[in-house]
Protein backbone atom coordinates (compact mmCIF):
# COMPACT_ATOMS: atom_id res chain seq x y z
CA MET A 1 82.01 169.74 -1.82
CA HIS A 2 81.48 172.20 0.62
CA ASP A 3 77.72 172.96 1.52
CA PHE A 4 77.66 176.87 0.79
CA ASN A 5 74.66 177.98 2.62
CA ALA A 6 75.63 175.93 6.19
CA ILE A 7 78.76 177.93 5.97
CA ALA A 8 77.03 181.07 5.61
CA GLU A 9 74.34 180.08 7.93
CA ALA A 10 77.07 179.56 10.71
CA TYR A 11 79.20 182.76 10.26
CA VAL A 12 75.89 184.68 10.43
CA ALA A 13 74.96 182.71 13.69
CA ALA A 14 78.50 183.94 14.79
CA TRP A 15 77.70 187.93 14.06
CA ASN A 16 74.43 187.31 15.90
CA ALA A 17 75.43 185.82 19.05
CA SER A 18 75.69 187.90 22.07
CA ASP A 19 76.55 185.35 24.32
CA VAL A 20 80.60 185.43 24.54
CA ALA A 21 81.16 181.89 25.55
CA SER A 22 78.64 181.00 22.29
CA ARG A 23 80.16 183.37 20.47
CA ALA A 24 83.73 181.88 20.98
CA ALA A 25 82.47 178.42 20.32
CA LEU A 26 80.90 179.55 16.90
CA ILE A 27 83.85 181.53 16.03
CA GLU A 28 86.04 178.54 16.46
CA LYS A 29 83.81 176.25 14.55
CA VAL A 30 83.34 178.66 11.86
CA PHE A 31 86.84 180.61 11.72
CA SER A 32 90.69 178.88 11.04
CA ALA A 33 92.68 179.88 13.70
CA ASN A 34 94.64 182.26 11.45
CA VAL A 35 91.58 184.04 9.45
CA SER A 36 91.89 187.29 8.04
CA TYR A 37 88.81 189.96 7.80
CA ARG A 38 88.80 192.97 5.87
CA ASP A 39 85.78 195.24 4.78
CA PRO A 40 85.78 199.09 3.82
CA ILE A 41 85.30 199.92 7.55
CA MET A 42 87.06 197.20 9.77
CA GLN A 43 89.80 194.62 9.46
CA GLY A 44 90.35 192.10 12.22
CA ASP A 45 92.61 189.00 12.21
CA GLY A 46 92.28 185.52 14.52
CA HIS A 47 89.49 184.28 16.38
CA ALA A 48 90.32 187.42 18.82
CA GLY A 49 90.19 189.75 16.15
CA ILE A 50 86.73 188.49 14.77
CA ASP A 51 85.55 188.26 18.49
CA GLY A 52 86.13 192.43 18.52
CA LEU A 53 84.99 193.10 15.44
CA ILE A 54 81.43 191.68 16.48
CA ALA A 55 81.59 193.11 19.51
CA GLY A 56 81.79 196.07 17.98
CA VAL A 57 79.11 195.62 15.78
CA GLN A 58 77.03 194.60 18.20
CA GLY A 59 77.92 197.54 20.62
CA GLN A 60 77.10 199.98 17.81
CA PHE A 61 74.21 198.33 16.65
CA PRO A 62 72.05 196.78 19.99
CA GLY A 63 69.36 195.05 18.81
CA PHE A 64 70.21 194.53 15.45
CA ARG A 65 70.09 191.25 13.39
CA PHE A 66 72.23 190.08 10.73
CA THR A 67 70.34 187.51 8.44
CA LEU A 68 71.25 185.95 4.49
CA LYS A 69 69.61 187.42 1.71
CA GLY A 70 69.03 184.46 -0.42
CA ASP A 71 71.39 181.83 -0.80
CA ALA A 72 75.37 181.50 -0.52
CA ASP A 73 76.94 180.36 -4.27
CA GLY A 74 80.34 179.59 -4.60
CA PHE A 75 82.83 177.23 -6.29
CA ALA A 76 85.62 175.10 -5.15
CA ASP A 77 86.93 177.00 -1.84
CA THR A 78 85.46 180.22 -2.66
CA ILE A 79 82.03 181.28 -1.23
CA ARG A 80 79.91 184.12 -1.96
CA PHE A 81 76.88 185.41 0.04
CA SER A 82 75.22 188.70 0.52
CA TRP A 83 73.37 189.58 4.17
CA ALA A 84 70.79 192.34 6.25
CA LEU A 85 71.49 193.84 9.25
CA GLY A 86 68.60 195.91 10.76
CA PRO A 87 66.39 195.54 13.60
CA GLU A 88 64.01 192.19 13.12
CA GLY A 89 60.81 193.26 11.50
CA VAL A 90 61.73 196.42 9.50
CA PRO A 91 63.75 196.58 6.42
CA SER A 92 67.61 196.49 7.23
CA VAL A 93 69.87 199.38 7.80
CA ILE A 94 72.90 198.10 6.37
CA GLU A 95 73.59 195.16 3.54
CA GLY A 96 76.77 193.85 2.01
CA THR A 97 78.16 190.56 0.53
CA ASP A 98 81.34 188.81 1.38
CA VAL A 99 83.77 186.79 -0.72
CA CYS A 100 85.04 184.05 1.57
CA GLU A 101 88.02 181.37 0.92
CA ILE A 102 87.62 177.93 3.02
CA GLU A 103 90.23 176.21 4.40
CA SER A 104 89.49 172.56 5.67
CA GLY A 105 85.70 173.48 6.56
CA ARG A 106 86.04 176.95 7.88
CA LEU A 107 86.97 180.33 6.55
CA LYS A 108 90.29 181.61 6.21
CA SER A 109 90.06 184.83 4.92
CA VAL A 110 87.00 187.20 4.39
CA THR A 111 86.44 190.09 2.03
CA GLY A 112 83.28 192.08 2.75
CA PHE A 113 81.95 194.80 0.42
CA LEU A 114 79.20 197.70 1.74
CA ASP A 115 76.14 197.30 -0.41
CA LYS A 116 73.81 199.82 1.02
CA VAL A 117 74.85 201.89 4.25
CA PRO A 118 73.08 204.39 5.88
CA ALA A 119 73.49 208.35 4.95
CA ARG A 120 75.77 210.49 6.96
């Protein structure tokens, strides 16, 4: 049985880690070596791909933080959770929901859906 909330919290911690060494350790803990990530805007594979995505988001949105919206849920080896991204103390700018496959306690695949995006 998986602790879905602990997995989601570790995922968000990885996305918030700005120190390269800390982020690498969290990526190793959270994601399987052969992880695949897909959402409507970006995709990446493996630990290096995930690191590149996180660095890119942090570069595009300096000072923004990810937070979980509610509790994660799931069954068997599938987890679903929602998140928000924005500056601390103000309403989020971007929100989404991720559905992930778990393998040996780590995320093997992440499929992201964007629920709220800024108007262009």
